[in-house]
Amino acid sequence: MESSKEGGLLKFDFFRYTPVRLREQTVLGAILSLLVLFVAGSIVYNHVDKAFGDGIKSELLFENLKMTDVEVNIDIDL
């Protein structure tokens, strides 16, 4: 007889809708299903964060500090 804690976890088993001869809900199946959801959610979150996050980074490096003037070229296209 399974405990009520395992019975609640078995509801998350994605493969419970397979044919009767192949269907057997297990705790491992539920854990794997939740792990797949977590990994997929992490991937989606990382892609959205990279796409819409503040990804602009500006750096100014001086290779020769003896220069008194710095030539700056700006190319703007609209």
N, C-alpha and C. Protein backbone atom coordinates (compact mmCIF):
# COMPACT_ATOMS: atom_id res chain seq x y z
N MET A 1 0.85 -1.17 0.00
CA MET A 1 0.00 0.00 0.00
C MET A 1 0.89 1.24 0.00
N GLU A 2 0.64 2.20 -0.89
CA GLU A 2 1.47 3.39 -0.98
C GLU A 2 0.97 4.46 -0.02
N SER A 3 1.90 5.27 0.41
CA SER A 3 1.54 6.33 1.33
C SER A 3 0.87 7.47 0.57
N SER A 4 0.22 8.37 1.31
CA SER A 4 -0.48 9.48 0.67
C SER A 4 0.50 10.46 0.03
N LYS A 5 1.74 10.54 0.54
CA LYS A 5 2.74 11.42 -0.04
C LYS A 5 3.11 10.94 -1.45
N GLU A 6 3.30 9.65 -1.64
CA GLU A 6 3.61 9.11 -2.95
C GLU A 6 2.40 9.24 -3.87
N GLY A 7 1.20 9.07 -3.35
CA GLY A 7 -0.01 9.19 -4.16
C GLY A 7 -0.15 10.59 -4.74
N GLY A 8 0.21 11.62 -3.97
CA GLY A 8 0.17 12.99 -4.46
C GLY A 8 1.21 13.23 -5.53
N LEU A 9 2.37 12.59 -5.39
CA LEU A 9 3.46 12.76 -6.37
C LEU A 9 3.15 12.02 -7.65
N LEU A 10 2.40 10.93 -7.57
CA LEU A 10 2.08 10.14 -8.76
C LEU A 10 1.18 10.91 -9.73
N LYS A 11 0.47 11.93 -9.27
CA LYS A 11 -0.39 12.72 -10.16
C LYS A 11 0.43 13.48 -11.19
N PHE A 12 1.71 13.72 -10.95
CA PHE A 12 2.55 14.47 -11.87
C PHE A 12 3.20 13.59 -12.94
N ASP A 13 2.93 12.31 -12.94
CA ASP A 13 3.50 11.39 -13.94
C ASP A 13 2.84 11.65 -15.28
N PHE A 14 3.60 12.19 -16.26
CA PHE A 14 3.06 12.54 -17.56
C PHE A 14 2.67 11.32 -18.39
N PHE A 15 3.21 10.19 -18.09
CA PHE A 15 3.02 9.02 -18.92
C PHE A 15 1.88 8.14 -18.42
N ARG A 16 0.98 8.69 -17.65
CA ARG A 16 -0.13 7.89 -17.14
C ARG A 16 -1.23 7.70 -18.18
N TYR A 17 -1.19 8.43 -19.29
CA TYR A 17 -2.22 8.32 -20.32
C TYR A 17 -1.80 7.39 -21.47
N THR A 18 -0.86 6.54 -21.24
CA THR A 18 -0.45 5.57 -22.24
C THR A 18 -1.41 4.38 -22.20
N PRO A 19 -1.37 3.49 -23.20
CA PRO A 19 -2.27 2.33 -23.18
C PRO A 19 -2.14 1.53 -21.87
N VAL A 20 -3.21 0.85 -21.53
CA VAL A 20 -3.29 0.15 -20.24
C VAL A 20 -2.16 -0.87 -20.09
N ARG A 21 -1.79 -1.54 -21.16
CA ARG A 21 -0.75 -2.57 -21.04
C ARG A 21 0.63 -1.95 -20.77
N LEU A 22 0.80 -0.66 -21.11
CA LEU A 22 2.08 -0.01 -20.87
C LEU A 22 2.05 0.93 -19.67
N ARG A 23 0.87 1.13 -19.10
CA ARG A 23 0.71 2.14 -18.06
C ARG A 23 1.00 1.58 -16.67
N GLU A 24 1.90 2.22 -16.02
CA GLU A 24 2.16 1.93 -14.61
C GLU A 24 2.78 3.18 -14.00
N GLN A 25 2.03 3.87 -13.16
CA GLN A 25 2.53 5.08 -12.54
C GLN A 25 3.56 4.73 -11.49
N THR A 26 4.68 5.43 -11.59
CA THR A 26 5.74 5.19 -10.61
C THR A 26 6.23 6.53 -10.08
N VAL A 27 6.85 6.47 -8.94
CA VAL A 27 7.44 7.67 -8.35
C VAL A 27 8.60 8.14 -9.23
N LEU A 28 9.36 7.22 -9.79
CA LEU A 28 10.46 7.59 -10.68
C LEU A 28 9.94 8.32 -11.92
N GLY A 29 8.83 7.86 -12.46
CA GLY A 29 8.23 8.53 -13.62
C GLY A 29 7.79 9.96 -13.28
N ALA A 30 7.22 10.14 -12.10
CA ALA A 30 6.81 11.47 -11.67
C ALA A 30 8.02 12.37 -11.46
N ILE A 31 9.07 11.84 -10.85
CA ILE A 31 10.28 12.64 -10.61
C ILE A 31 10.93 13.03 -11.93
N LEU A 32 11.00 12.10 -12.88
CA LEU A 32 11.56 12.41 -14.20
C LEU A 32 10.72 13.46 -14.93
N SER A 33 9.40 13.35 -14.82
CA SER A 33 8.53 14.33 -15.46
C SER A 33 8.75 15.72 -14.87
N LEU A 34 8.85 15.82 -13.56
CA LEU A 34 9.10 17.11 -12.92
C LEU A 34 10.49 17.63 -13.27
N LEU A 35 11.47 16.75 -13.39
CA LEU A 35 12.82 17.16 -13.77
C LEU A 35 12.83 17.73 -15.19
N VAL A 36 12.09 17.08 -16.09
CA VAL A 36 12.00 17.58 -17.47
C VAL A 36 11.35 18.96 -17.48
N LEU A 37 10.30 19.15 -16.70
CA LEU A 37 9.66 20.46 -16.61
C LEU A 37 10.62 21.52 -16.09
N PHE A 38 11.41 21.18 -15.07
CA PHE A 38 12.37 22.12 -14.50
C PHE A 38 13.44 22.50 -15.52
N VAL A 39 13.99 21.51 -16.22
CA VAL A 39 15.03 21.79 -17.21
C VAL A 39 14.47 22.63 -18.35
N ALA A 40 13.29 22.29 -18.85
CA ALA A 40 12.68 23.06 -19.93
C ALA A 40 12.39 24.48 -19.48
N GLY A 41 11.89 24.66 -18.27
CA GLY A 41 11.64 26.00 -17.74
C GLY A 41 12.92 26.80 -17.59
N SER A 42 13.99 26.15 -17.16
CA SER A 42 15.27 26.84 -17.03
C SER A 42 15.80 27.29 -18.38
N ILE A 43 15.66 26.45 -19.39
CA ILE A 43 16.12 26.80 -20.73
C ILE A 43 15.33 27.99 -21.26
N VAL A 44 14.01 27.95 -21.12
CA VAL A 44 13.17 29.05 -21.59
C VAL A 44 13.52 30.34 -20.85
N TYR A 45 13.67 30.26 -19.54
CA TYR A 45 14.02 31.45 -18.74
C TYR A 45 15.35 32.05 -19.19
N ASN A 46 16.35 31.20 -19.40
CA ASN A 46 17.66 31.71 -19.83
C ASN A 46 17.60 32.36 -21.20
N HIS A 47 16.84 31.79 -22.13
CA HIS A 47 16.72 32.38 -23.46
C HIS A 47 15.99 33.72 -23.40
N VAL A 48 14.92 33.80 -22.63
CA VAL A 48 14.19 35.06 -22.50
C VAL A 48 15.05 36.11 -21.81
N ASP A 49 15.79 35.70 -20.80
CA ASP A 49 16.66 36.64 -20.09
C ASP A 49 17.76 37.17 -21.01
N LYS A 50 18.34 36.31 -21.83
CA LYS A 50 19.38 36.76 -22.77
C LYS A 50 18.78 37.67 -23.84
N ALA A 51 17.57 37.38 -24.30
CA ALA A 51 16.96 38.16 -25.37
C ALA A 51 16.52 39.54 -24.90
N PHE A 52 15.94 39.62 -23.72
CA PHE A 52 15.36 40.87 -23.26
C PHE A 52 16.13 41.52 -22.12
N GLY A 53 17.17 40.87 -21.65
CA GLY A 53 17.96 41.42 -20.55
C GLY A 53 18.83 42.57 -21.03
N ASP A 54 19.41 43.27 -20.09
CA ASP A 54 20.28 44.39 -20.41
C ASP A 54 21.62 43.83 -20.85
N GLY A 55 21.78 43.68 -22.17
CA GLY A 55 22.98 43.06 -22.70
C GLY A 55 23.96 44.04 -23.30
N ILE A 56 23.76 45.34 -23.08
CA ILE A 56 24.67 46.33 -23.66
C ILE A 56 25.81 46.57 -22.68
N LYS A 57 27.02 46.41 -23.17
CA LYS A 57 28.19 46.59 -22.33
C LYS A 57 29.18 47.45 -23.10
N SER A 58 29.62 48.52 -22.50
CA SER A 58 30.56 49.41 -23.15
C SER A 58 31.90 49.36 -22.44
N GLU A 59 32.95 49.32 -23.22
CA GLU A 59 34.30 49.33 -22.67
C GLU A 59 35.15 50.31 -23.46
N LEU A 60 36.04 50.98 -22.78
CA LEU A 60 36.97 51.89 -23.43
C LEU A 60 38.36 51.51 -22.96
N LEU A 61 39.17 51.06 -23.90
CA LEU A 61 40.52 50.63 -23.58
C LEU A 61 41.53 51.53 -24.28
N PHE A 62 42.55 51.94 -23.57
CA PHE A 62 43.62 52.74 -24.14
C PHE A 62 44.87 51.89 -24.23
N GLU A 63 45.35 51.69 -25.44
CA GLU A 63 46.55 50.89 -25.62
C GLU A 63 47.81 51.72 -25.48
N ASN A 64 47.74 52.96 -25.91
CA ASN A 64 48.90 53.83 -25.85
C ASN A 64 48.52 55.07 -25.04
N LEU A 65 48.95 55.15 -23.80
CA LEU A 65 48.54 56.25 -22.93
C LEU A 65 49.28 57.54 -23.21
N LYS A 66 50.26 57.54 -24.10
CA LYS A 66 50.99 58.75 -24.44
C LYS A 66 50.25 59.62 -25.43
N MET A 67 49.18 59.10 -26.02
CA MET A 67 48.42 59.88 -26.99
C MET A 67 47.66 60.99 -26.28
N THR A 68 47.64 62.17 -26.88
CA THR A 68 46.88 63.28 -26.29
C THR A 68 45.50 63.37 -26.90
N ASP A 69 45.35 62.94 -28.14
CA ASP A 69 44.05 62.97 -28.80
C ASP A 69 43.61 61.55 -29.12
N VAL A 70 42.32 61.33 -29.01
CA VAL A 70 41.76 60.03 -29.32
C VAL A 70 40.83 60.21 -30.51
N GLU A 71 41.09 59.50 -31.58
CA GLU A 71 40.23 59.57 -32.76
C GLU A 71 39.05 58.64 -32.57
N VAL A 72 37.87 59.21 -32.76
CA VAL A 72 36.63 58.45 -32.57
C VAL A 72 35.86 58.48 -33.88
N ASN A 73 35.55 57.33 -34.41
CA ASN A 73 34.74 57.21 -35.62
C ASN A 73 33.40 56.58 -35.26
N ILE A 74 32.33 57.24 -35.67
CA ILE A 74 30.98 56.74 -35.38
C ILE A 74 30.27 56.53 -36.69
N ASP A 75 29.72 55.36 -36.89
CA ASP A 75 28.96 55.02 -38.08
C ASP A 75 27.53 54.74 -37.64
N ILE A 76 26.59 55.61 -38.03
CA ILE A 76 25.20 55.46 -37.61
C ILE A 76 24.36 55.24 -38.85
N ASP A 77 23.59 54.17 -38.84
CA ASP A 77 22.65 53.87 -39.92
C ASP A 77 21.25 53.86 -39.36
N LEU A 78 20.35 54.50 -40.08
CA LEU A 78 18.95 54.52 -39.64
C LEU A 78 18.10 53.83 -40.68
